[in-house]
PDB file of N, CA and C in Angstrom:
ATOM      1  N   MET A   1      36.203-155.307 -87.858  1.00  0.00           N
ATOM      2  CA  MET A   1      35.824-155.674 -86.478  1.00  0.00           C
ATOM      3  C   MET A   1      36.488-157.070 -86.373  1.00  0.00           C
ATOM      4  N   LEU A   2      37.002-157.267 -85.002  1.00  0.00           N
ATOM      5  CA  LEU A   2      37.477-158.400 -84.610  1.00  0.00           C
ATOM      6  C   LEU A   2      36.690-158.889 -83.388  1.00  0.00           C
ATOM      7  N   ALA A   3      36.253-160.124 -83.130  1.00  0.00           N
ATOM      8  CA  ALA A   3      35.647-160.684 -82.113  1.00  0.00           C
ATOM      9  C   ALA A   3      36.423-161.813 -81.464  1.00  0.00           C
ATOM     10  N   SER A   4      36.202-161.935 -80.176  1.00  0.00           N
ATOM     11  CA  SER A   4      37.030-162.923 -79.515  1.00  0.00           C
ATOM     12  C   SER A   4      36.071-163.454 -78.365  1.00  0.00           C
ATOM     13  N   PHE A   5      36.337-164.890 -78.143  1.00  0.00           N
ATOM     14  CA  PHE A   5      35.589-165.319 -76.900  1.00  0.00           C
ATOM     15  C   PHE A   5      36.292-166.136 -76.008  1.00  0.00           C
ATOM     16  N   LEU A   6      35.992-165.905 -74.666  1.00  0.00           N
ATOM     17  CA  LEU A   6      36.691-166.710 -73.834  1.00  0.00           C
ATOM     18  C   LEU A   6      35.706-167.778 -73.040  1.00  0.00           C
ATOM     19  N   ALA A   7      36.277-168.783 -72.577  1.00  0.00           N
ATOM     20  CA  ALA A   7      35.241-169.814 -71.891  1.00  0.00           C
ATOM     21  C   ALA A   7      36.011-170.453 -70.837  1.00  0.00           C
ATOM     22  N   GLY A   8      35.167-171.096 -70.008  1.00  0.00           N
ATOM     23  CA  GLY A   8      36.001-171.912 -69.000  1.00  0.00           C
ATOM     24  C   GLY A   8      36.742-171.004 -67.988  1.00  0.00           C
ATOM     25  N   ALA A   9      37.935-171.656 -67.427  1.00  0.00           N
ATOM     26  CA  ALA A   9      38.761-171.047 -66.363  1.00  0.00           C
ATOM     27  C   ALA A   9      39.266-169.799 -66.798  1.00  0.00           C
ATOM     28  N   ARG A  10      39.534-169.636 -68.181  1.00  0.00           N
ATOM     29  CA  ARG A  10      40.240-168.321 -68.541  1.00  0.00           C
ATOM     30  C   ARG A  10      39.219-167.191 -68.428  1.00  0.00           C
ATOM     31  N   ALA A  11      38.019-167.391 -68.717  1.00  0.00           N
ATOM     32  CA  ALA A  11      36.950-166.538 -68.684  1.00  0.00           C
ATOM     33  C   ALA A  11      36.520-166.137 -67.399  1.00  0.00           C
ATOM     34  N   LEU A  12      36.697-167.174 -66.405  1.00  0.00           N
ATOM     35  CA  LEU A  12      36.435-166.679 -64.790  1.00  0.00           C
ATOM     36  C   LEU A  12      37.653-165.868 -64.530  1.00  0.00           C
ATOM     37  N   THR A  13      38.902-166.192 -64.646  1.00  0.00           N
ATOM     38  CA  THR A  13      40.081-165.513 -64.206  1.00  0.00           C
ATOM     39  C   THR A  13      39.957-164.100 -64.669  1.00  0.00           C
ATOM     40  N   LEU A  14      39.672-164.019 -66.132  1.00  0.00           N
ATOM     41  CA  LEU A  14      39.804-162.612 -66.770  1.00  0.00           C
ATOM     42  C   LEU A  14      38.589-161.712 -66.139  1.00  0.00           C
ATOM     43  N   GLY A  15      37.429-162.344 -66.049  1.00  0.00           N
ATOM     44  CA  GLY A  15      36.338-161.614 -65.477  1.00  0.00           C
ATOM     45  C   GLY A  15      36.629-161.137 -64.004  1.00  0.00           C
ATOM     46  N   ALA A  16      37.486-161.664 -63.359  1.00  0.00           N
ATOM     47  CA  ALA A  16      37.700-161.180 -61.863  1.00  0.00           C
ATOM     48  C   ALA A  16      38.679-160.134 -61.868  1.00  0.00           C
ATOM     49  N   LEU A  17      39.323-159.679 -62.939  1.00  0.00           N
ATOM     50  CA  LEU A  17      40.422-158.844 -63.020  1.00  0.00           C
ATOM     51  C   LEU A  17      39.620-157.443 -63.051  1.00  0.00           C
ATOM     52  N   PRO A  18      40.432-156.299 -62.529  1.00  0.00           N
ATOM     53  CA  PRO A  18      40.030-154.941 -62.730  1.00  0.00           C
ATOM     54  C   PRO A  18      39.953-154.669 -64.356  1.00  0.00           C
ATOM     55  N   ALA A  19      39.114-153.658 -64.848  1.00  0.00           N
ATOM     56  CA  ALA A  19      38.945-153.391 -66.176  1.00  0.00           C
ATOM     57  C   ALA A  19      40.109-152.993 -67.079  1.00  0.00           C
ATOM     58  N   ALA A  20      41.040-152.371 -66.483  1.00  0.00           N
ATOM     59  CA  ALA A  20      42.308-151.811 -66.986  1.00  0.00           C
ATOM     60  C   ALA A  20      43.070-153.050 -67.531  1.00  0.00           C
ATOM     61  N   GLU A  21      43.172-154.021 -66.516  1.00  0.00           N
ATOM     62  CA  GLU A  21      43.994-155.282 -66.635  1.00  0.00           C
ATOM     63  C   GLU A  21      43.316-156.230 -67.562  1.00  0.00           C
ATOM     64  N   ARG A  22      42.081-156.320 -67.604  1.00  0.00           N
ATOM     65  CA  ARG A  22      41.370-157.101 -68.725  1.00  0.00           C
ATOM     66  C   ARG A  22      41.616-156.543 -69.935  1.00  0.00           C
ATOM     67  N   ARG A  23      41.414-155.190 -70.144  1.00  0.00           N
ATOM     68  CA  ARG A  23      41.584-154.526 -71.434  1.00  0.00           C
ATOM     69  C   ARG A  23      43.048-154.866 -72.019  1.00  0.00           C
ATOM     70  N   GLN A  24      43.970-154.875 -71.251  1.00  0.00           N
ATOM     71  CA  GLN A  24      45.300-155.034 -71.625  1.00  0.00           C
ATOM     72  C   GLN A  24      45.571-156.464 -71.972  1.00  0.00           C
ATOM     73  N   MET A  25      45.092-157.443 -71.264  1.00  0.00           N
ATOM     74  CA  MET A  25      45.250-158.837 -71.605  1.00  0.00           C
ATOM     75  C   MET A  25      44.397-159.147 -72.760  1.00  0.00           C
ATOM     76  N   ILE A  26      43.289-158.598 -73.135  1.00  0.00           N
ATOM     77  CA  ILE A  26      42.651-158.701 -74.457  1.00  0.00           C
ATOM     78  C   ILE A  26      43.312-158.353 -75.459  1.00  0.00           C
ATOM     79  N   LEU A  27      43.938-157.058 -75.323  1.00  0.00           N
ATOM     80  CA  LEU A  27      44.654-156.520 -76.406  1.00  0.00           C
ATOM     81  C   LEU A  27      45.994-157.158 -76.790  1.00  0.00           C
ATOM     82  N   ASN A  28      46.530-157.728 -75.701  1.00  0.00           N
ATOM     83  CA  ASN A  28      47.767-158.611 -75.804  1.00  0.00           C
ATOM     84  C   ASN A  28      47.535-159.724 -76.774  1.00  0.00           C
ATOM     85  N   ASP A  29      46.403-160.376 -76.430  1.00  0.00           N
ATOM     86  CA  ASP A  29      45.901-161.509 -77.301  1.00  0.00           C
ATOM     87  C   ASP A  29      45.694-161.129 -78.579  1.00  0.00           C
ATOM     88  N   LEU A  30      45.022-160.055 -78.982  1.00  0.00           N
ATOM     89  CA  LEU A  30      44.613-159.626 -80.293  1.00  0.00           C
ATOM     90  C   LEU A  30      45.854-159.306 -81.173  1.00  0.00           C
ATOM     91  N   VAL A  31      46.949-158.651 -80.441  1.00  0.00           N
ATOM     92  CA  VAL A  31      48.159-158.400 -80.929  1.00  0.00           C
ATOM     93  C   VAL A  31      48.989-159.892 -81.461  1.00  0.00           C
ATOM     94  N   ALA A  32      48.837-160.684 -80.440  1.00  0.00           N
ATOM     95  CA  ALA A  32      49.505-162.009 -80.750  1.00  0.00           C
ATOM     96  C   ALA A  32      49.050-162.595 -81.861  1.00  0.00           C
ATOM     97  N   TYR A  33      47.598-162.668 -82.126  1.00  0.00           N
ATOM     98  CA  TYR A  33      46.843-163.173 -83.202  1.00  0.00           C
ATOM     99  C   TYR A  33      46.936-162.352 -84.517  1.00  0.00           C
ATOM    100  N   TRP A  34      46.890-161.092 -84.426  1.00  0.00           N
ATOM    101  CA  TRP A  34      46.515-160.272 -85.548  1.00  0.00           C
ATOM    102  C   TRP A  34      47.699-159.371 -85.891  1.00  0.00           C
ATOM    103  N   GLY A  35      48.635-159.122 -85.039  1.00  0.00           N
ATOM    104  CA  GLY A  35      49.769-158.089 -85.279  1.00  0.00           C
ATOM    105  C   GLY A  35      49.448-156.883 -84.410  1.00  0.00           C
ATOM    106  N   PRO A  36      50.577-155.888 -84.585  1.00  0.00           N
ATOM    107  CA  PRO A  36      50.727-154.601 -83.688  1.00  0.00           C
ATOM    108  C   PRO A  36      49.346-153.810 -83.878  1.00  0.00           C
ATOM    109  N   GLU A  37      48.954-153.592 -85.009  1.00  0.00           N
ATOM    110  CA  GLU A  37      47.847-152.694 -85.168  1.00  0.00           C
ATOM    111  C   GLU A  37      46.539-153.177 -84.502  1.00  0.00           C
ATOM    112  N   ALA A  38      46.448-154.261 -84.181  1.00  0.00           N
ATOM    113  CA  ALA A  38      45.258-154.606 -83.350  1.00  0.00           C
ATOM    114  C   ALA A  38      45.457-154.382 -81.913  1.00  0.00           C
ATOM    115  N   GLY A  39      46.524-153.761 -81.532  1.00  0.00           N
ATOM    116  CA  GLY A  39      46.544-153.299 -80.062  1.00  0.00           C
ATOM    117  C   GLY A  39      46.263-151.905 -79.964  1.00  0.00           C
ATOM    118  N   ASP A  40      45.797-151.298 -81.052  1.00  0.00           N
ATOM    119  CA  ASP A  40      45.220-149.836 -80.865  1.00  0.00           C
ATOM    120  C   ASP A  40      44.069-149.581 -81.610  1.00  0.00           C
ATOM    121  N   PRO A  41      42.894-150.304 -81.135  1.00  0.00           N
ATOM    122  CA  PRO A  41      41.779-150.283 -81.768  1.00  0.00           C
ATOM    123  C   PRO A  41      40.985-148.986 -81.595  1.00  0.00           C
ATOM    124  N   LEU A  42      40.050-148.653 -82.411  1.00  0.00           N
ATOM    125  CA  LEU A  42      39.147-147.470 -82.404  1.00  0.00           C
ATOM    126  C   LEU A  42      38.356-147.438 -81.158  1.00  0.00           C
ATOM    127  N   ASP A  43      38.027-148.769 -80.936  1.00  0.00           N
ATOM    128  CA  ASP A  43      36.959-148.986 -79.673  1.00  0.00           C
ATOM    129  C   ASP A  43      37.265-150.503 -79.365  1.00  0.00           C
ATOM    130  N   LEU A  44      36.919-150.802 -77.941  1.00  0.00           N
ATOM    131  CA  LEU A  44      37.056-152.008 -77.423  1.00  0.00           C
ATOM    132  C   LEU A  44      35.923-152.380 -76.571  1.00  0.00           C
ATOM    133  N   ILE A  45      35.008-153.203 -76.950  1.00  0.00           N
ATOM    134  CA  ILE A  45      33.551-153.424 -76.202  1.00  0.00           C
ATOM    135  C   ILE A  45      33.773-154.795 -75.618  1.00  0.00           C
ATOM    136  N   GLU A  46      33.467-154.968 -74.325  1.00  0.00           N
ATOM    137  CA  GLU A  46      33.513-156.270 -73.768  1.00  0.00           C
ATOM    138  C   GLU A  46      32.171-156.340 -73.241  1.00  0.00           C
ATOM    139  N   GLN A  47      31.822-157.837 -73.449  1.00  0.00           N
ATOM    140  CA  GLN A  47      30.431-158.104 -73.061  1.00  0.00           C
ATOM    141  C   GLN A  47      30.400-159.446 -72.338  1.00  0.00           C
ATOM    142  N   SER A  48      29.933-159.530 -71.239  1.00  0.00           N
ATOM    143  CA  SER A  48      29.814-160.681 -70.368  1.00  0.00           C
ATOM    144  C   SER A  48      28.290-161.402 -70.774  1.00  0.00           C
ATOM    145  N   TRP A  49      28.506-162.315 -71.654  1.00  0.00           N
ATOM    146  CA  TRP A  49      27.344-162.898 -72.243  1.00  0.00           C
ATOM    147  C   TRP A  49      26.352-163.547 -71.076  1.00  0.00           C
ATOM    148  N   ASN A  50      27.102-164.231 -70.090  1.00  0.00           N
ATOM    149  CA  ASN A  50      26.465-164.994 -68.969  1.00  0.00           C
ATOM    150  C   ASN A  50      25.605-163.985 -68.137  1.00  0.00           C
ATOM    151  N   THR A  51      25.970-162.682 -68.031  1.00  0.00           N
ATOM    152  CA  THR A  51      25.139-161.813 -67.106  1.00  0.00           C
ATOM    153  C   THR A  51      24.199-161.120 -68.187  1.00  0.00           C
ATOM    154  N   GLU A  52      24.158-161.213 -69.427  1.00  0.00           N
ATOM    155  CA  GLU A  52      23.357-160.320 -70.282  1.00  0.00           C
ATOM    156  C   GLU A  52      21.806-160.971 -70.125  1.00  0.00           C
ATOM    157  N   PRO A  53      20.811-160.159 -69.727  1.00  0.00           N
ATOM    158  CA  PRO A  53      19.474-160.854 -69.357  1.00  0.00           C
ATOM    159  C   PRO A  53      18.628-161.338 -70.459  1.00  0.00           C
ATOM    160  N   TRP A  54      18.906-160.806 -71.718  1.00  0.00           N
ATOM    161  CA  TRP A  54      18.173-161.072 -72.896  1.00  0.00           C
ATOM    162  C   TRP A  54      18.480-162.346 -73.497  1.00  0.00           C
ATOM    163  N   SER A  55      19.728-162.546 -73.694  1.00  0.00           N
ATOM    164  CA  SER A  55      20.212-163.778 -74.433  1.00  0.00           C
ATOM    165  C   SER A  55      20.466-164.953 -73.471  1.00  0.00           C
ATOM    166  N   GLY A  56      20.712-164.799 -72.110  1.00  0.00           N
ATOM    167  CA  GLY A  56      20.651-165.678 -71.366  1.00  0.00           C
ATOM    168  C   GLY A  56      22.151-166.492 -71.339  1.00  0.00           C
ATOM    169  N   GLY A  57      23.120-165.882 -71.986  1.00  0.00           N
ATOM    170  CA  GLY A  57      24.347-166.443 -72.153  1.00  0.00           C
ATOM    171  C   GLY A  57      24.910-166.733 -73.483  1.00  0.00           C
ATOM    172  N   ALA A  58      26.082-167.187 -73.586  1.00  0.00           N
ATOM    173  CA  ALA A  58      26.668-167.596 -74.930  1.00  0.00           C
ATOM    174  C   ALA A  58      26.665-168.969 -75.114  1.00  0.00           C
ATOM    175  N   PHE A  59      27.364-169.304 -76.265  1.00  0.00           N
ATOM    176  CA  PHE A  59      27.342-170.646 -76.746  1.00  0.00           C
ATOM    177  C   PHE A  59      27.946-171.605 -75.774  1.00  0.00           C
ATOM    178  N   THR A  60      28.702-171.080 -74.808  1.00  0.00           N
ATOM    179  CA  THR A  60      29.240-171.981 -73.816  1.00  0.00           C
ATOM    180  C   THR A  60      28.525-171.982 -72.527  1.00  0.00           C
ATOM    181  N   SER A  61      27.424-171.411 -72.474  1.00  0.00           N
ATOM    182  CA  SER A  61      26.497-171.366 -71.407  1.00  0.00           C
ATOM    183  C   SER A  61      25.572-172.401 -71.259  1.00  0.00           C
ATOM    184  N   PHE A  62      24.907-172.564 -70.218  1.00  0.00           N
ATOM    185  CA  PHE A  62      23.825-173.567 -70.067  1.00  0.00           C
ATOM    186  C   PHE A  62      22.611-173.030 -70.154  1.00  0.00           C
ATOM    187  N   VAL A  63      21.791-173.625 -70.886  1.00  0.00           N
ATOM    188  CA  VAL A  63      20.388-173.323 -71.070  1.00  0.00           C
ATOM    189  C   VAL A  63      19.342-173.884 -70.094  1.00  0.00           C
ATOM    190  N   SER A  64      18.327-173.440 -69.686  1.00  0.00           N
ATOM    191  CA  SER A  64      17.470-174.063 -68.540  1.00  0.00           C
ATOM    192  C   SER A  64      16.932-175.430 -69.039  1.00  0.00           C
ATOM    193  N   PRO A  65      16.821-176.219 -68.040  1.00  0.00           N
ATOM    194  CA  PRO A  65      16.286-177.545 -68.363  1.00  0.00           C
ATOM    195  C   PRO A  65      15.164-177.553 -69.360  1.00  0.00           C
ATOM    196  N   GLY A  66      15.048-178.528 -70.332  1.00  0.00           N
ATOM    197  CA  GLY A  66      13.916-178.538 -71.162  1.00  0.00           C
ATOM    198  C   GLY A  66      14.011-177.565 -72.488  1.00  0.00           C
ATOM    199  N   THR A  67      14.921-176.725 -72.475  1.00  0.00           N
ATOM    200  CA  THR A  67      15.053-175.806 -73.646  1.00  0.00           C
ATOM    201  C   THR A  67      15.308-176.581 -74.948  1.00  0.00           C
ATOM    202  N   TRP A  68      16.255-177.496 -74.877  1.00  0.00           N
ATOM    203  CA  TRP A  68      16.734-178.084 -76.215  1.00  0.00           C
ATOM    204  C   TRP A  68      15.646-179.139 -76.667  1.00  0.00           C
ATOM    205  N   THR A  69      14.906-179.650 -75.655  1.00  0.00           N
ATOM    206  CA  THR A  69      13.829-180.517 -75.980  1.00  0.00           C
ATOM    207  C   THR A  69      12.650-179.886 -76.374  1.00  0.00           C
ATOM    208  N   SER A  70      12.445-178.682 -76.255  1.00  0.00           N
ATOM    209  CA  SER A  70      11.087-178.134 -76.459  1.00  0.00           C
ATOM    210  C   SER A  70      11.330-176.924 -77.379  1.00  0.00           C
ATOM    211  N   HIS A  71      11.474-175.723 -77.036  1.00  0.00           N
ATOM    212  CA  HIS A  71      11.578-174.744 -77.830  1.00  0.00           C
ATOM    213  C   HIS A  71      12.695-174.735 -78.948  1.00  0.00           C
ATOM    214  N   ALA A  72      13.911-175.268 -78.578  1.00  0.00           N
ATOM    215  CA  ALA A  72      14.973-175.278 -79.607  1.00  0.00           C
ATOM    216  C   ALA A  72      14.590-176.227 -80.815  1.00  0.00           C
ATOM    217  N   ARG A  73      13.953-177.338 -80.221  1.00  0.00           N
ATOM    218  CA  ARG A  73      13.473-178.454 -81.245  1.00  0.00           C
ATOM    219  C   ARG A  73      12.569-177.626 -82.358  1.00  0.00           C
ATOM    220  N   LEU A  74      11.710-176.799 -81.700  1.00  0.00           N
ATOM    221  CA  LEU A  74      10.651-176.049 -82.785  1.00  0.00           C
ATOM    222  C   LEU A  74      11.488-175.200 -83.764  1.00  0.00           C
ATOM    223  N   ALA A  75      12.479-174.518 -83.175  1.00  0.00           N
ATOM    224  CA  ALA A  75      13.103-173.477 -84.001  1.00  0.00           C
ATOM    225  C   ALA A  75      14.144-174.314 -84.934  1.00  0.00           C
ATOM    226  N   ALA A  76      14.585-175.476 -84.498  1.00  0.00           N
ATOM    227  CA  ALA A  76      15.484-176.234 -85.519  1.00  0.00           C
ATOM    228  C   ALA A  76      14.781-177.011 -86.577  1.00  0.00           C
ATOM    229  N   GLY A  77      13.610-177.013 -86.424  1.00  0.00           N
ATOM    230  CA  GLY A  77      12.742-177.903 -87.424  1.00  0.00           C
ATOM    231  C   GLY A  77      12.717-179.229 -87.171  1.00  0.00           C
ATOM    232  N   ASP A  78      12.645-179.543 -85.933  1.00  0.00           N
ATOM    233  CA  ASP A  78      12.594-181.017 -85.542  1.00  0.00           C
ATOM    234  C   ASP A  78      11.209-181.533 -85.430  1.00  0.00           C
ATOM    235  N   GLN A  79      10.441-181.382 -86.617  1.00  0.00           N
ATOM    236  CA  GLN A  79       9.063-181.764 -86.464  1.00  0.00           C
ATOM    237  C   GLN A  79       9.078-182.748 -87.513  1.00  0.00           C
ATOM    238  N   GLY A  80      10.059-183.365 -87.878  1.00  0.00           N
ATOM    239  CA  GLY A  80      10.033-184.522 -89.064  1.00  0.00           C
ATOM    240  C   GLY A  80      10.384-184.068 -90.331  1.00  0.00           C
ATOM    241  N   GLY A  81      10.649-182.985 -90.439  1.00  0.00           N
ATOM    242  CA  GLY A  81      10.821-182.352 -92.010  1.00  0.00           C
ATOM    243  C   GLY A  81      12.443-182.072 -91.934  1.00  0.00           C
ATOM    244  N   PRO A  82      13.012-182.051 -93.193  1.00  0.00           N
ATOM    245  CA  PRO A  82      14.594-181.661 -93.206  1.00  0.00           C
ATOM    246  C   PRO A  82      14.776-180.327 -92.962  1.00  0.00           C
ATOM    247  N   GLY A  83      13.893-179.367 -93.092  1.00  0.00           N
ATOM    248  CA  GLY A  83      14.332-177.921 -93.085  1.00  0.00           C
ATOM    249  C   GLY A  83      13.975-177.313 -91.776  1.00  0.00           C
ATOM    250  N   PRO A  84      14.128-175.898 -91.871  1.00  0.00           N
ATOM    251  CA  PRO A  84      13.975-175.195 -90.417  1.00  0.00           C
ATOM    252  C   PRO A  84      12.517-175.134 -90.365  1.00  0.00           C
ATOM    253  N   ALA A  85      12.114-174.906 -88.982  1.00  0.00           N
ATOM    254  CA  ALA A  85      10.771-174.642 -88.723  1.00  0.00           C
ATOM    255  C   ALA A  85      10.279-173.204 -89.338  1.00  0.00           C
ATOM    256  N   ALA A  86       9.081-173.230 -89.859  1.00  0.00           N
ATOM    257  CA  ALA A  86       8.401-172.119 -90.333  1.00  0.00           C
ATOM    258  C   ALA A  86       7.115-171.715 -89.309  1.00  0.00           C
ATOM    259  N   HIS A  87       7.088-170.400 -89.181  1.00  0.00           N
ATOM    260  CA  HIS A  87       5.954-169.797 -88.583  1.00  0.00           C
ATOM    261  C   HIS A  87       5.379-168.880 -89.517  1.00  0.00           C
ATOM    262  N   GLY A  88       4.354-169.219 -90.269  1.00  0.00           N
ATOM    263  CA  GLY A  88       4.007-168.252 -91.329  1.00  0.00           C
ATOM    264  C   GLY A  88       5.043-168.142 -92.387  1.00  0.00           C
ATOM    265  N   ARG A  89       5.389-166.800 -92.477  1.00  0.00           N
ATOM    266  CA  ARG A  89       6.456-166.628 -93.649  1.00  0.00           C
ATOM    267  C   ARG A  89       7.818-166.450 -92.881  1.00  0.00           C
ATOM    268  N   VAL A  90       7.858-166.820 -91.598  1.00  0.00           N
ATOM    269  CA  VAL A  90       9.185-166.559 -90.853  1.00  0.00           C
ATOM    270  C   VAL A  90       9.826-167.892 -90.776  1.00  0.00           C
ATOM    271  N   LEU A  91      11.105-168.105 -91.188  1.00  0.00           N
ATOM    272  CA  LEU A  91      11.990-169.189 -91.122  1.00  0.00           C
ATOM    273  C   LEU A  91      12.893-168.964 -89.974  1.00  0.00           C
ATOM    274  N   TRP A  92      13.247-169.846 -89.136  1.00  0.00           N
ATOM    275  CA  TRP A  92      14.328-169.714 -88.111  1.00  0.00           C
ATOM    276  C   TRP A  92      15.694-170.096 -88.697  1.00  0.00           C
ATOM    277  N   ALA A  93      16.697-169.229 -88.733  1.00  0.00           N
ATOM    278  CA  ALA A  93      17.912-169.558 -89.160  1.00  0.00           C
ATOM    279  C   ALA A  93      18.999-168.894 -88.246  1.00  0.00           C
ATOM    280  N   GLY A  94      19.783-169.860 -87.632  1.00  0.00           N
ATOM    281  CA  GLY A  94      20.843-169.016 -86.687  1.00  0.00           C
ATOM    282  C   GLY A  94      21.680-170.072 -86.267  1.00  0.00           C
ATOM    283  N   THR A  95      22.740-169.832 -85.882  1.00  0.00           N
ATOM    284  CA  THR A  95      23.669-170.852 -85.269  1.00  0.00           C
ATOM    285  C   THR A  95      23.122-171.540 -84.049  1.00  0.00           C
ATOM    286  N   GLU A  96      22.211-171.000 -83.271  1.00  0.00           N
ATOM    287  CA  GLU A  96      21.774-171.555 -82.185  1.00  0.00           C
ATOM    288  C   GLU A  96      20.711-172.699 -82.483  1.00  0.00           C
ATOM    289  N   VAL A  97      20.087-172.636 -83.668  1.00  0.00           N
ATOM    290  CA  VAL A  97      19.094-173.663 -84.018  1.00  0.00           C
ATOM    291  C   VAL A  97      19.533-174.660 -85.100  1.00  0.00           C
ATOM    292  N   SER A  98      21.021-174.543 -85.447  1.00  0.00           N
ATOM    293  CA  SER A  98      21.361-175.649 -86.254  1.00  0.00           C
ATOM    294  C   SER A  98      21.619-176.887 -85.602  1.00  0.00           C
ATOM    295  N   PRO A  99      21.130-177.942 -86.410  1.00  0.00           N
ATOM    296  CA  PRO A  99      21.174-179.303 -85.897  1.00  0.00           C
ATOM    297  C   PRO A  99      22.457-179.777 -85.473  1.00  0.00           C
ATOM    298  N   ARG A 100      23.588-179.365 -86.210  1.00  0.00           N
ATOM    299  CA  ARG A 100      25.025-179.842 -86.020  1.00  0.00           C
ATOM    300  C   ARG A 100      25.684-178.430 -85.815  1.00  0.00           C
ATOM    301  N   TRP A 101      26.592-178.444 -85.013  1.00  0.00           N
ATOM    302  CA  TRP A 101      27.524-177.405 -84.654  1.00  0.00           C
ATOM    303  C   TRP A 101      26.606-176.097 -84.110  1.00  0.00           C
ATOM    304  N   PRO A 102      25.781-176.101 -83.183  1.00  0.00           N
ATOM    305  CA  PRO A 102      25.137-174.990 -82.696  1.00  0.00           C
ATOM    306  C   PRO A 102      26.007-173.987 -81.946  1.00  0.00           C
ATOM    307  N   GLY A 103      25.852-172.863 -82.060  1.00  0.00           N
ATOM    308  CA  GLY A 103      26.681-171.887 -81.423  1.00  0.00           C
ATOM    309  C   GLY A 103      28.122-171.540 -82.246  1.00  0.00           C
ATOM    310  N   TYR A 104      28.406-172.235 -83.240  1.00  0.00           N
ATOM    311  CA  TYR A 104      29.610-172.162 -83.765  1.00  0.00           C
ATOM    312  C   TYR A 104      29.345-171.390 -85.359  1.00  0.00           C
ATOM    313  N   PHE A 105      30.410-170.923 -85.990  1.00  0.00           N
ATOM    314  CA  PHE A 105      30.113-170.521 -87.359  1.00  0.00           C
ATOM    315  C   PHE A 105      29.694-171.672 -88.392  1.00  0.00           C
ATOM    316  N   GLU A 106      30.279-172.778 -88.147  1.00  0.00           N
ATOM    317  CA  GLU A 106      29.751-173.819 -89.052  1.00  0.00           C
ATOM    318  C   GLU A 106      28.149-174.052 -88.900  1.00  0.00           C
ATOM    319  N   GLY A 107      27.651-173.890 -87.763  1.00  0.00           N
ATOM    320  CA  GLY A 107      26.329-174.044 -87.368  1.00  0.00           C
ATOM    321  C   GLY A 107      25.379-172.994 -88.129  1.00  0.00           C
ATOM    322  N   ALA A 108      26.033-171.705 -88.125  1.00  0.00           N
ATOM    323  CA  ALA A 108      25.333-170.668 -88.914  1.00  0.00           C
ATOM    324  C   ALA A 108      25.240-170.807 -90.273  1.00  0.00           C
ATOM    325  N   ILE A 109      26.411-171.418 -90.889  1.00  0.00           N
ATOM    326  CA  ILE A 109      26.387-171.601 -92.329  1.00  0.00           C
ATOM    327  C   ILE A 109      25.210-172.602 -92.549  1.00  0.00           C
ATOM    328  N   GLU A 110      25.508-173.762 -91.835  1.00  0.00           N
ATOM    329  CA  GLU A 110      24.368-174.768 -92.111  1.00  0.00           C
ATOM    330  C   GLU A 110      22.926-174.398 -92.009  1.00  0.00           C
ATOM    331  N   ALA A 111      22.716-173.752 -90.869  1.00  0.00           N
ATOM    332  CA  ALA A 111      21.324-173.098 -90.750  1.00  0.00           C
ATOM    333  C   ALA A 111      20.935-172.267 -91.819  1.00  0.00           C
ATOM    334  N   GLY A 112      21.794-171.382 -92.230  1.00  0.00           N
ATOM    335  CA  GLY A 112      21.473-170.443 -93.483  1.00  0.00           C
ATOM    336  C   GLY A 112      21.344-171.296 -94.851  1.00  0.00           C
ATOM    337  N   GLU A 113      21.914-172.299 -94.842  1.00  0.00           N
ATOM    338  CA  GLU A 113      21.703-173.260 -96.148  1.00  0.00           C
ATOM    339  C   GLU A 113      20.449-173.923 -96.202  1.00  0.00           C
ATOM    340  N   ARG A 114      20.055-174.310 -94.896  1.00  0.00           N
ATOM    341  CA  ARG A 114      18.830-174.833 -94.764  1.00  0.00           C
ATOM    342  C   ARG A 114      17.561-173.908 -94.966  1.00  0.00           C
ATOM    343  N   ALA A 115      17.896-172.964 -94.489  1.00  0.00           N
ATOM    344  CA  ALA A 115      16.805-171.809 -94.634  1.00  0.00           C
ATOM    345  C   ALA A 115      16.589-171.458 -96.000  1.00  0.00           C
ATOM    346  N   ALA A 116      17.693-171.219 -96.866  1.00  0.00           N
ATOM    347  CA  ALA A 116      17.607-170.842 -98.213  1.00  0.00           C
ATOM    348  C   ALA A 116      16.991-172.085 -98.973  1.00  0.00           C
ATOM    349  N   ALA A 117      17.279-173.131 -98.774  1.00  0.00           N
ATOM    350  CA  ALA A 117      16.720-174.435 -99.516  1.00  0.00           C
ATOM    351  C   ALA A 117      15.153-174.437 -99.091  1.00  0.00           C
ATOM    352  N   ALA A 118      14.830-174.258 -98.050  1.00  0.00           N
ATOM    353  CA  ALA A 118      13.435-174.295 -97.583  1.00  0.00           C
ATOM    354  C   ALA A 118      12.687-173.101 -98.331  1.00  0.00           C
ATOM    355  N   LEU A 119      13.300-171.839 -98.418  1.00  0.00           N
ATOM    356  CA  LEU A 119      12.712-170.858 -99.199  1.00  0.00           C
ATOM    357  C   LEU A 119      12.511-171.220-100.707  1.00  0.00           C
ATOM    358  N   GLN A 120      13.340-171.966-101.159  1.00  0.00           N
ATOM    359  CA  GLN A 120      13.369-172.122-102.624  1.00  0.00           C
ATOM    360  C   GLN A 120      12.090-173.039-102.818  1.00  0.00           C
ATOM    361  N   GLU A 121      11.665-173.657-101.679  1.00  0.00           N
ATOM    362  CA  GLU A 121      10.458-174.808-101.949  1.00  0.00           C
ATOM    363  C   GLU A 121       9.218-174.091-101.586  1.00  0.00           C
ATOM    364  N   LEU A 122       9.268-172.907-101.084  1.00  0.00           N
ATOM    365  CA  LEU A 122       7.956-172.322-100.822  1.00  0.00           C
ATOM    366  C   LEU A 122       7.281-171.658-101.908  1.00  0.00           C
TER     367      LEU A 122
END
């Protein structure tokens, strides 16, 4: 599986194109990065995260005012302790709640390491 993200002006431009043209441009990029085999996938799924009602957008989107200073702080463990927040036996771990690099792969790794360390202390 290959995943690709677009942001900014390129995302807006691509999003305004007809589906067939978008597909071809995406495949052209994948071929440029990964070689000719990437141009003939078994399936190609496009997702506009900014219009997705349940997630509210992607890492390049804007969250509503107060989110990072309220709910996100709880999930990230910003209650004075070094580890992730716990709710009973549930530990929050994901790129979105990482104190550094939220929304990126590095943030996911850091969040996972913090949760694993917190589990060892339980």
